[in-house]
Amino acid sequence: MIRPLTSALVLTAALAMAIPLHGATYEWTFNNGNLNDAFAQGAMEGVGGTVPAFATTNGTTIPHIGGVQARYLSVPSFTLPTEGFNLTLAATGPNGNGAYVNQYTFIFDFYSPGLPNWQALFQTDPENTTTNNNDADWYVAPDGALGIGALGYSTVGAIQQETWYRIAFAADLSLGRVSYYIDGVQVFQSVLGVVDGRFALYSNLDAGSDVRLFNEADGSGVYTHEMFINSIAFVDREMTAEELGILGAPNAVGIFVPEPGSGLLVLTGLLAPLLRRQRR
């Protein structure tokens, strides 16, 4: 009979083999209180005077993730379009039959405190220019729906305040397809994407940063909100429903952890709860 710990290791290895490393993968876990990419392929920086602030869940006013204390990036409700966090995807070139990044997946482990409001998640214009009231490109709406008008929204109430979630935006714009996931479950799919259109991202062939996080430039109202971000991952391909189902819900450690030399992603989020169960 295989002992429980051995079973956990075998399970984790098997699941890791289900998600091979294709293309470039990035992750910001904030576990060390900085903006370093765990895969050392990209960069995140605060812009427009934004100073990164890190904190730790206390298990009361800010709940732990799965009962485990977690480090997070504290994101304010930005008031100026120059503010926010920019990503540079240094290992990602154009894909999806276009001049820009048309196949990609964003994953956020996030928590929204307080009263609901619009929450800008990412903006494909890294300069967040105010011309033509430049909206962000993915939001949580005040009614808890996840999405954007140009693609569509999930059902109302899909996201609740004061709750940790893992949300994902998976796109293959060469097929027009964009899917949203919450805790590994697909909650919406659109076929309105366009190659090199609004939802395509800049690549390493373009000068400067490639995407802005947590801000937008529509001056008609307030469309930002305070958020706590435990981890952010980016993969320059459309991850499948099966892969995102394996990743599941948020984990205090992070989303992916690189396994040196194996060329695979080890899903420590699945292993950690199993290891904790062995304690007596």
C-alpha atoms as a PDB file:
ATOM      1  CA  MET A   1       0.000   0.000   0.000  1.00  0.00           C
ATOM      2  CA  ILE A   2       1.283   3.463  -0.873  1.00  0.00           C
ATOM      3  CA  ARG A   3       1.535   5.721   2.173  1.00  0.00           C
ATOM      4  CA  PRO A   4      -0.364   9.055   2.026  1.00  0.00           C
ATOM      5  CA  LEU A   5       2.730  11.241   1.606  1.00  0.00           C
ATOM      6  CA  THR A   6       4.004   9.101  -1.262  1.00  0.00           C
ATOM      7  CA  SER A   7       0.559   9.205  -2.819  1.00  0.00           C
ATOM      8  CA  ALA A   8       0.594  12.990  -2.638  1.00  0.00           C
ATOM      9  CA  LEU A   9       3.954  13.167  -4.392  1.00  0.00           C
ATOM     10  CA  VAL A  10       2.825  10.771  -7.107  1.00  0.00           C
ATOM     11  CA  LEU A  11      -0.383  12.761  -7.598  1.00  0.00           C
ATOM     12  CA  THR A  12       1.490  16.026  -7.860  1.00  0.00           C
ATOM     13  CA  ALA A  13       3.982  14.598 -10.355  1.00  0.00           C
ATOM     14  CA  ALA A  14       1.169  13.225 -12.497  1.00  0.00           C
ATOM     15  CA  LEU A  15      -0.689  16.532 -12.499  1.00  0.00           C
ATOM     16  CA  ALA A  16       2.486  18.449 -13.290  1.00  0.00           C
ATOM     17  CA  MET A  17       3.016  16.296 -16.374  1.00  0.00           C
ATOM     18  CA  ALA A  18      -0.445  17.361 -17.572  1.00  0.00           C
ATOM     19  CA  ILE A  19       0.747  20.994 -17.910  1.00  0.00           C
ATOM     20  CA  PRO A  20       3.984  21.115 -19.919  1.00  0.00           C
ATOM     21  CA  LEU A  21       5.861  24.366 -20.309  1.00  0.00           C
ATOM     22  CA  HIS A  22       5.012  25.696 -23.770  1.00  0.00           C
ATOM     23  CA  GLY A  23       6.317  29.132 -24.570  1.00  0.00           C
ATOM     24  CA  ALA A  24       6.995  31.600 -21.779  1.00  0.00           C
ATOM     25  CA  THR A  25       5.531  31.495 -18.275  1.00  0.00           C
ATOM     26  CA  TYR A  26       5.668  34.270 -15.683  1.00  0.00           C
ATOM     27  CA  GLU A  27       4.537  34.484 -12.074  1.00  0.00           C
ATOM     28  CA  TRP A  28       4.590  37.122  -9.373  1.00  0.00           C
ATOM     29  CA  THR A  29       3.859  35.532  -5.963  1.00  0.00           C
ATOM     30  CA  PHE A  30       5.023  38.450  -3.752  1.00  0.00           C
ATOM     31  CA  ASN A  31       6.114  35.823  -1.206  1.00  0.00           C
ATOM     32  CA  ASN A  32       9.441  37.610  -0.701  1.00  0.00           C
ATOM     33  CA  GLY A  33       7.933  41.093  -0.516  1.00  0.00           C
ATOM     34  CA  ASN A  34       9.090  42.186  -3.971  1.00  0.00           C
ATOM     35  CA  LEU A  35       7.926  42.376  -7.592  1.00  0.00           C
ATOM     36  CA  ASN A  36      10.276  39.693  -8.929  1.00  0.00           C
ATOM     37  CA  ASP A  37       9.055  37.170 -11.491  1.00  0.00           C
ATOM     38  CA  ALA A  38       9.560  33.654 -10.082  1.00  0.00           C
ATOM     39  CA  PHE A  39      10.482  32.447 -13.592  1.00  0.00           C
ATOM     40  CA  ALA A  40      12.860  35.391 -14.184  1.00  0.00           C
ATOM     41  CA  GLN A  41      11.428  36.026 -17.644  1.00  0.00           C
ATOM     42  CA  GLY A  42       9.502  39.247 -17.093  1.00  0.00           C
ATOM     43  CA  ALA A  43       9.305  42.361 -14.964  1.00  0.00           C
ATOM     44  CA  MET A  44       6.689  44.229 -12.939  1.00  0.00           C
ATOM     45  CA  GLU A  45       7.090  47.812 -11.823  1.00  0.00           C
ATOM     46  CA  GLY A  46       5.027  50.453 -10.082  1.00  0.00           C
ATOM     47  CA  VAL A  47       4.507  53.443 -12.380  1.00  0.00           C
ATOM     48  CA  GLY A  48       3.346  57.034 -11.976  1.00  0.00           C
ATOM     49  CA  GLY A  49       4.584  57.243  -8.407  1.00  0.00           C
ATOM     50  CA  THR A  50       3.016  53.906  -7.371  1.00  0.00           C
ATOM     51  CA  VAL A  51       4.920  52.423  -4.434  1.00  0.00           C
ATOM     52  CA  PRO A  52       4.425  48.657  -3.953  1.00  0.00           C
ATOM     53  CA  ALA A  53       2.986  47.736  -0.549  1.00  0.00           C
ATOM     54  CA  PHE A  54       2.945  44.187   0.784  1.00  0.00           C
ATOM     55  CA  ALA A  55       1.065  42.676   3.690  1.00  0.00           C
ATOM     56  CA  THR A  56       0.142  39.302   5.174  1.00  0.00           C
ATOM     57  CA  THR A  57      -3.264  37.797   5.826  1.00  0.00           C
ATOM     58  CA  ASN A  58      -4.206  37.828   9.529  1.00  0.00           C
ATOM     59  CA  GLY A  59      -6.952  35.205   9.463  1.00  0.00           C
ATOM     60  CA  THR A  60      -9.599  37.627  10.778  1.00  0.00           C
ATOM     61  CA  THR A  61     -10.176  40.884   8.897  1.00  0.00           C
ATOM     62  CA  ILE A  62      -8.175  39.474   5.963  1.00  0.00           C
ATOM     63  CA  PRO A  63      -8.802  35.718   5.794  1.00  0.00           C
ATOM     64  CA  HIS A  64      -6.038  33.237   5.139  1.00  0.00           C
ATOM     65  CA  ILE A  65      -6.140  31.298   1.878  1.00  0.00           C
ATOM     66  CA  GLY A  66      -7.261  27.745   2.546  1.00  0.00           C
ATOM     67  CA  GLY A  67      -6.359  28.254   6.184  1.00  0.00           C
ATOM     68  CA  VAL A  68      -2.767  29.168   5.322  1.00  0.00           C
ATOM     69  CA  GLN A  69      -1.218  32.596   5.947  1.00  0.00           C
ATOM     70  CA  ALA A  70      -0.446  34.334   2.645  1.00  0.00           C
ATOM     71  CA  ARG A  71       1.600  37.318   1.484  1.00  0.00           C
ATOM     72  CA  TYR A  72      -0.105  39.726  -0.902  1.00  0.00           C
ATOM     73  CA  LEU A  73       0.355  42.915  -2.890  1.00  0.00           C
ATOM     74  CA  SER A  74      -1.986  45.636  -1.622  1.00  0.00           C
ATOM     75  CA  VAL A  75      -3.421  47.536  -4.605  1.00  0.00           C
ATOM     76  CA  PRO A  76      -5.153  50.876  -3.892  1.00  0.00           C
ATOM     77  CA  SER A  77      -8.014  52.416  -5.835  1.00  0.00           C
ATOM     78  CA  PHE A  78      -5.925  54.444  -8.267  1.00  0.00           C
ATOM     79  CA  THR A  79      -7.050  58.008  -8.938  1.00  0.00           C
ATOM     80  CA  LEU A  80      -4.606  59.047 -11.685  1.00  0.00           C
ATOM     81  CA  PRO A  81      -4.206  57.276 -15.059  1.00  0.00           C
ATOM     82  CA  THR A  82      -0.424  57.404 -14.692  1.00  0.00           C
ATOM     83  CA  GLU A  83      -0.605  55.050 -11.688  1.00  0.00           C
ATOM     84  CA  GLY A  84      -0.649  51.274 -11.571  1.00  0.00           C
ATOM     85  CA  PHE A  85       1.658  48.354 -12.246  1.00  0.00           C
ATOM     86  CA  ASN A  86       3.201  47.636 -15.646  1.00  0.00           C
ATOM     87  CA  LEU A  87       4.342  44.241 -16.896  1.00  0.00           C
ATOM     88  CA  THR A  88       7.110  43.625 -19.386  1.00  0.00           C
ATOM     89  CA  LEU A  89       6.829  40.214 -21.052  1.00  0.00           C
ATOM     90  CA  ALA A  90      10.443  39.966 -22.148  1.00  0.00           C
ATOM     91  CA  ALA A  91      10.296  36.329 -23.308  1.00  0.00           C
ATOM     92  CA  THR A  92       7.077  36.661 -25.337  1.00  0.00           C
ATOM     93  CA  GLY A  93       6.967  37.459 -29.030  1.00  0.00           C
ATOM     94  CA  PRO A  94       4.013  37.857 -31.382  1.00  0.00           C
ATOM     95  CA  ASN A  95       1.776  34.810 -31.817  1.00  0.00           C
ATOM     96  CA  GLY A  96      -1.625  33.699 -33.075  1.00  0.00           C
ATOM     97  CA  ASN A  97      -0.939  34.746 -36.697  1.00  0.00           C
ATOM     98  CA  GLY A  98      -0.581  38.398 -35.794  1.00  0.00           C
ATOM     99  CA  ALA A  99       1.946  41.133 -35.103  1.00  0.00           C
ATOM    100  CA  TYR A 100       1.092  41.132 -31.370  1.00  0.00           C
ATOM    101  CA  VAL A 101       0.370  38.600 -28.600  1.00  0.00           C
ATOM    102  CA  ASN A 102      -2.950  37.001 -29.520  1.00  0.00           C
ATOM    103  CA  GLN A 103      -2.718  33.782 -27.509  1.00  0.00           C
ATOM    104  CA  TYR A 104      -2.292  34.115 -23.756  1.00  0.00           C
ATOM    105  CA  THR A 105      -3.687  33.408 -20.299  1.00  0.00           C
ATOM    106  CA  PHE A 106      -3.797  35.736 -17.296  1.00  0.00           C
ATOM    107  CA  ILE A 107      -4.430  34.256 -13.836  1.00  0.00           C
ATOM    108  CA  PHE A 108      -5.035  36.322 -10.691  1.00  0.00           C
ATOM    109  CA  ASP A 109      -5.464  35.153  -7.090  1.00  0.00           C
ATOM    110  CA  PHE A 110      -7.306  38.137  -5.681  1.00  0.00           C
ATOM    111  CA  TYR A 111      -9.526  39.466  -2.896  1.00  0.00           C
ATOM    112  CA  SER A 112     -11.777  42.535  -2.995  1.00  0.00           C
ATOM    113  CA  PRO A 113     -12.432  44.212   0.371  1.00  0.00           C
ATOM    114  CA  GLY A 114     -15.204  46.605   1.302  1.00  0.00           C
ATOM    115  CA  LEU A 115     -18.151  47.717  -0.791  1.00  0.00           C
ATOM    116  CA  PRO A 116     -18.301  46.653  -4.465  1.00  0.00           C
ATOM    117  CA  ASN A 117     -17.421  48.936  -7.368  1.00  0.00           C
ATOM    118  CA  TRP A 118     -15.845  48.596 -10.788  1.00  0.00           C
ATOM    119  CA  GLN A 119     -12.453  46.913 -10.540  1.00  0.00           C
ATOM    120  CA  ALA A 120     -10.071  47.235 -13.494  1.00  0.00           C
ATOM    121  CA  LEU A 121      -7.942  44.098 -13.811  1.00  0.00           C
ATOM    122  CA  PHE A 122      -5.767  44.727 -16.873  1.00  0.00           C
ATOM    123  CA  GLN A 123      -5.372  47.357 -19.574  1.00  0.00           C
ATOM    124  CA  THR A 124      -3.800  46.389 -22.917  1.00  0.00           C
ATOM    125  CA  ASP A 125      -2.514  49.967 -23.329  1.00  0.00           C
ATOM    126  CA  PRO A 126       0.479  50.078 -20.961  1.00  0.00           C
ATOM    127  CA  GLU A 127       0.528  53.878 -21.126  1.00  0.00           C
ATOM    128  CA  ASN A 128      -3.149  53.978 -20.028  1.00  0.00           C
ATOM    129  CA  THR A 129      -3.732  57.015 -22.229  1.00  0.00           C
ATOM    130  CA  THR A 130      -6.774  59.173 -21.572  1.00  0.00           C
ATOM    131  CA  THR A 131      -7.616  59.621 -25.263  1.00  0.00           C
ATOM    132  CA  ASN A 132     -11.222  58.606 -25.987  1.00  0.00           C
ATOM    133  CA  ASN A 133     -11.788  57.568 -22.351  1.00  0.00           C
ATOM    134  CA  ASN A 134      -9.596  54.473 -22.667  1.00  0.00           C
ATOM    135  CA  ASP A 135     -11.285  51.710 -20.658  1.00  0.00           C
ATOM    136  CA  ALA A 136      -9.450  48.750 -19.171  1.00  0.00           C
ATOM    137  CA  ASP A 137      -9.975  45.409 -20.918  1.00  0.00           C
ATOM    138  CA  TRP A 138     -11.217  43.172 -18.101  1.00  0.00           C
ATOM    139  CA  TYR A 139     -13.211  44.117 -14.999  1.00  0.00           C
ATOM    140  CA  VAL A 140     -15.160  42.930 -12.033  1.00  0.00           C
ATOM    141  CA  ALA A 141     -18.429  44.895 -12.210  1.00  0.00           C
ATOM    142  CA  PRO A 142     -20.247  46.273  -9.137  1.00  0.00           C
ATOM    143  CA  ASP A 143     -22.846  43.497  -9.491  1.00  0.00           C
ATOM    144  CA  GLY A 144     -20.142  40.823  -9.219  1.00  0.00           C
ATOM    145  CA  ALA A 145     -20.075  39.939 -12.925  1.00  0.00           C
ATOM    146  CA  LEU A 146     -16.676  39.304 -14.511  1.00  0.00           C
ATOM    147  CA  GLY A 147     -15.904  40.638 -17.984  1.00  0.00           C
ATOM    148  CA  ILE A 148     -16.023  43.580 -20.386  1.00  0.00           C
ATOM    149  CA  GLY A 149     -18.767  44.938 -22.636  1.00  0.00           C
ATOM    150  CA  ALA A 150     -16.892  44.228 -25.894  1.00  0.00           C
ATOM    151  CA  LEU A 151     -16.737  40.494 -25.068  1.00  0.00           C
ATOM    152  CA  GLY A 152     -19.521  39.977 -22.552  1.00  0.00           C
ATOM    153  CA  TYR A 153     -19.938  39.229 -18.844  1.00  0.00           C
ATOM    154  CA  SER A 154     -20.332  36.205 -16.624  1.00  0.00           C
ATOM    155  CA  THR A 155     -23.475  35.862 -14.549  1.00  0.00           C
ATOM    156  CA  VAL A 156     -24.187  38.499 -11.912  1.00  0.00           C
ATOM    157  CA  GLY A 157     -22.814  37.636  -8.480  1.00  0.00           C
ATOM    158  CA  ALA A 158     -20.048  35.388  -9.767  1.00  0.00           C
ATOM    159  CA  ILE A 159     -17.559  37.384  -7.641  1.00  0.00           C
ATOM    160  CA  GLN A 160     -18.405  38.273  -4.049  1.00  0.00           C
ATOM    161  CA  GLN A 161     -16.649  40.779  -1.809  1.00  0.00           C
ATOM    162  CA  GLU A 162     -14.395  39.646   1.041  1.00  0.00           C
ATOM    163  CA  THR A 163     -13.577  36.323  -0.671  1.00  0.00           C
ATOM    164  CA  TRP A 164     -10.407  34.937  -2.220  1.00  0.00           C
ATOM    165  CA  TYR A 165     -10.759  33.809  -5.848  1.00  0.00           C
ATOM    166  CA  ARG A 166      -8.576  32.518  -8.651  1.00  0.00           C
ATOM    167  CA  ILE A 167      -9.774  34.108 -11.886  1.00  0.00           C
ATOM    168  CA  ALA A 168      -8.403  33.502 -15.374  1.00  0.00           C
ATOM    169  CA  PHE A 169      -8.710  35.145 -18.797  1.00  0.00           C
ATOM    170  CA  ALA A 170      -7.685  32.679 -21.530  1.00  0.00           C
ATOM    171  CA  ALA A 171      -7.535  33.954 -25.120  1.00  0.00           C
ATOM    172  CA  ASP A 172      -6.889  32.597 -28.582  1.00  0.00           C
ATOM    173  CA  LEU A 173      -7.734  35.600 -30.701  1.00  0.00           C
ATOM    174  CA  SER A 174      -6.771  33.734 -33.884  1.00  0.00           C
ATOM    175  CA  LEU A 175      -9.996  31.804 -33.246  1.00  0.00           C
ATOM    176  CA  GLY A 176     -11.808  34.814 -31.771  1.00  0.00           C
ATOM    177  CA  ARG A 177     -12.102  32.896 -28.499  1.00  0.00           C
ATOM    178  CA  VAL A 178     -11.843  34.302 -24.969  1.00  0.00           C
ATOM    179  CA  SER A 179     -12.873  32.340 -21.875  1.00  0.00           C
ATOM    180  CA  TYR A 180     -13.211  33.376 -18.226  1.00  0.00           C
ATOM    181  CA  TYR A 181     -12.655  31.014 -15.296  1.00  0.00           C
ATOM    182  CA  ILE A 182     -13.321  31.266 -11.574  1.00  0.00           C
ATOM    183  CA  ASP A 183     -11.580  28.723  -9.322  1.00  0.00           C
ATOM    184  CA  GLY A 184     -10.937  26.490 -12.325  1.00  0.00           C
ATOM    185  CA  VAL A 185     -14.515  26.530 -13.631  1.00  0.00           C
ATOM    186  CA  GLN A 186     -15.351  28.177 -16.951  1.00  0.00           C
ATOM    187  CA  VAL A 187     -18.008  30.836 -16.354  1.00  0.00           C
ATOM    188  CA  PHE A 188     -18.121  32.542 -19.761  1.00  0.00           C
ATOM    189  CA  GLN A 189     -16.856  32.208 -23.329  1.00  0.00           C
ATOM    190  CA  SER A 190     -16.891  34.740 -26.171  1.00  0.00           C
ATOM    191  CA  VAL A 191     -16.056  34.405 -29.872  1.00  0.00           C
ATOM    192  CA  LEU A 192     -15.798  38.157 -30.456  1.00  0.00           C
ATOM    193  CA  GLY A 193     -12.028  38.494 -30.160  1.00  0.00           C
ATOM    194  CA  VAL A 194     -10.058  39.809 -33.164  1.00  0.00           C
ATOM    195  CA  VAL A 195      -6.431  39.152 -34.121  1.00  0.00           C
ATOM    196  CA  ASP A 196      -4.285  42.212 -33.287  1.00  0.00           C
ATOM    197  CA  GLY A 197      -7.411  43.967 -32.007  1.00  0.00           C
ATOM    198  CA  ARG A 198      -8.281  45.523 -28.661  1.00  0.00           C
ATOM    199  CA  PHE A 199      -7.405  42.442 -26.599  1.00  0.00           C
ATOM    200  CA  ALA A 200      -4.035  41.686 -28.194  1.00  0.00           C
ATOM    201  CA  LEU A 201      -0.958  42.568 -26.134  1.00  0.00           C
ATOM    202  CA  TYR A 202       2.339  44.174 -27.015  1.00  0.00           C
ATOM    203  CA  SER A 203       5.293  41.776 -27.246  1.00  0.00           C
ATOM    204  CA  ASN A 204       9.055  41.826 -26.844  1.00  0.00           C
ATOM    205  CA  LEU A 205       9.290  43.309 -30.336  1.00  0.00           C
ATOM    206  CA  ASP A 206       7.636  46.501 -29.071  1.00  0.00           C
ATOM    207  CA  ALA A 207       9.556  49.052 -27.012  1.00  0.00           C
ATOM    208  CA  GLY A 208       8.606  49.590 -23.383  1.00  0.00           C
ATOM    209  CA  SER A 209       6.138  47.806 -21.128  1.00  0.00           C
ATOM    210  CA  ASP A 210       3.459  45.507 -22.513  1.00  0.00           C
ATOM    211  CA  VAL A 211       0.400  45.786 -20.237  1.00  0.00           C
ATOM    212  CA  ARG A 212      -0.940  47.919 -17.353  1.00  0.00           C
ATOM    213  CA  LEU A 213      -2.570  46.304 -14.315  1.00  0.00           C
ATOM    214  CA  PHE A 214      -5.389  47.567 -12.055  1.00  0.00           C
ATOM    215  CA  ASN A 215      -6.079  50.917 -13.727  1.00  0.00           C
ATOM    216  CA  GLU A 216      -7.921  52.476 -16.668  1.00  0.00           C
ATOM    217  CA  ALA A 217      -8.464  55.924 -18.120  1.00  0.00           C
ATOM    218  CA  ASP A 218     -12.208  56.529 -18.380  1.00  0.00           C
ATOM    219  CA  GLY A 219     -12.834  59.887 -16.724  1.00  0.00           C
ATOM    220  CA  SER A 220     -16.621  59.459 -16.620  1.00  0.00           C
ATOM    221  CA  GLY A 221     -16.532  57.740 -13.220  1.00  0.00           C
ATOM    222  CA  VAL A 222     -14.491  55.683 -10.756  1.00  0.00           C
ATOM    223  CA  TYR A 223     -13.591  52.299 -12.209  1.00  0.00           C
ATOM    224  CA  THR A 224     -10.827  51.207  -9.850  1.00  0.00           C
ATOM    225  CA  HIS A 225     -11.072  49.534  -6.459  1.00  0.00           C
ATOM    226  CA  GLU A 226      -8.788  48.427  -3.654  1.00  0.00           C
ATOM    227  CA  MET A 227      -7.626  44.830  -4.141  1.00  0.00           C
ATOM    228  CA  PHE A 228      -5.325  42.331  -2.484  1.00  0.00           C
ATOM    229  CA  ILE A 229      -3.356  40.221  -4.983  1.00  0.00           C
ATOM    230  CA  ASN A 230      -1.774  37.013  -3.738  1.00  0.00           C
ATOM    231  CA  SER A 231      -0.323  35.933  -7.103  1.00  0.00           C
ATOM    232  CA  ILE A 232      -0.396  36.805 -10.801  1.00  0.00           C
ATOM    233  CA  ALA A 233       0.568  34.370 -13.561  1.00  0.00           C
ATOM    234  CA  PHE A 234       0.870  34.873 -17.307  1.00  0.00           C
ATOM    235  CA  VAL A 235       1.365  32.228 -19.988  1.00  0.00           C
ATOM    236  CA  ASP A 236       1.787  33.154 -23.645  1.00  0.00           C
ATOM    237  CA  ARG A 237      -0.695  30.564 -24.864  1.00  0.00           C
ATOM    238  CA  GLU A 238      -4.353  29.814 -24.296  1.00  0.00           C
ATOM    239  CA  MET A 239      -4.494  27.367 -21.395  1.00  0.00           C
ATOM    240  CA  THR A 240      -7.168  24.686 -21.693  1.00  0.00           C
ATOM    241  CA  ALA A 241     -10.212  24.203 -19.498  1.00  0.00           C
ATOM    242  CA  GLU A 242      -8.626  20.995 -18.194  1.00  0.00           C
ATOM    243  CA  GLU A 243      -5.409  22.763 -17.210  1.00  0.00           C
ATOM    244  CA  LEU A 244      -7.211  25.592 -15.451  1.00  0.00           C
ATOM    245  CA  GLY A 245      -9.446  23.043 -13.737  1.00  0.00           C
ATOM    246  CA  ILE A 246      -6.334  21.345 -12.353  1.00  0.00           C
ATOM    247  CA  LEU A 247      -5.056  24.674 -11.019  1.00  0.00           C
ATOM    248  CA  GLY A 248      -8.418  25.196  -9.308  1.00  0.00           C
ATOM    249  CA  ALA A 249      -8.841  27.683  -6.473  1.00  0.00           C
ATOM    250  CA  PRO A 250      -6.315  30.111  -4.918  1.00  0.00           C
ATOM    251  CA  ASN A 251      -3.369  28.808  -2.948  1.00  0.00           C
ATOM    252  CA  ALA A 252      -1.261  30.715  -0.432  1.00  0.00           C
ATOM    253  CA  VAL A 253       2.013  29.592  -2.038  1.00  0.00           C
ATOM    254  CA  GLY A 254       1.159  30.671  -5.569  1.00  0.00           C
ATOM    255  CA  ILE A 255      -0.131  29.434  -8.907  1.00  0.00           C
ATOM    256  CA  PHE A 256       2.911  27.806 -10.568  1.00  0.00           C
ATOM    257  CA  VAL A 257       6.320  26.958  -9.129  1.00  0.00           C
ATOM    258  CA  PRO A 258       9.225  26.244 -11.521  1.00  0.00           C
ATOM    259  CA  GLU A 259      10.812  22.818 -11.273  1.00  0.00           C
ATOM    260  CA  PRO A 260      14.456  23.273 -12.394  1.00  0.00           C
ATOM    261  CA  GLY A 261      15.547  21.077 -15.259  1.00  0.00           C
ATOM    262  CA  SER A 262      12.253  19.258 -15.730  1.00  0.00           C
ATOM    263  CA  GLY A 263      10.565  21.596 -18.186  1.00  0.00           C
ATOM    264  CA  LEU A 264       7.310  21.135 -16.243  1.00  0.00           C
ATOM    265  CA  LEU A 265       5.179  23.166 -13.878  1.00  0.00           C
ATOM    266  CA  VAL A 266       4.847  21.647 -10.415  1.00  0.00           C
ATOM    267  CA  LEU A 267       1.493  22.476  -8.900  1.00  0.00           C
ATOM    268  CA  THR A 268       2.495  23.009  -5.305  1.00  0.00           C
ATOM    269  CA  GLY A 269      -0.940  24.351  -4.558  1.00  0.00           C
ATOM    270  CA  LEU A 270      -2.268  20.810  -4.877  1.00  0.00           C
ATOM    271  CA  LEU A 271       0.514  19.252  -2.857  1.00  0.00           C
ATOM    272  CA  ALA A 272       0.490  21.656   0.101  1.00  0.00           C
ATOM    273  CA  PRO A 273      -2.986  20.746   1.432  1.00  0.00           C
ATOM    274  CA  LEU A 274      -2.167  17.051   1.166  1.00  0.00           C
ATOM    275  CA  LEU A 275       1.066  17.536   3.101  1.00  0.00           C
ATOM    276  CA  ARG A 276      -0.760  19.480   5.821  1.00  0.00           C
ATOM    277  CA  ARG A 277      -3.161  16.581   6.284  1.00  0.00           C
ATOM    278  CA  GLN A 278      -0.276  14.362   7.414  1.00  0.00           C
ATOM    279  CA  ARG A 279       0.307  16.455  10.545  1.00  0.00           C
ATOM    280  CA  ARG A 280      -1.098  15.086  13.769  1.00  0.00           C
END
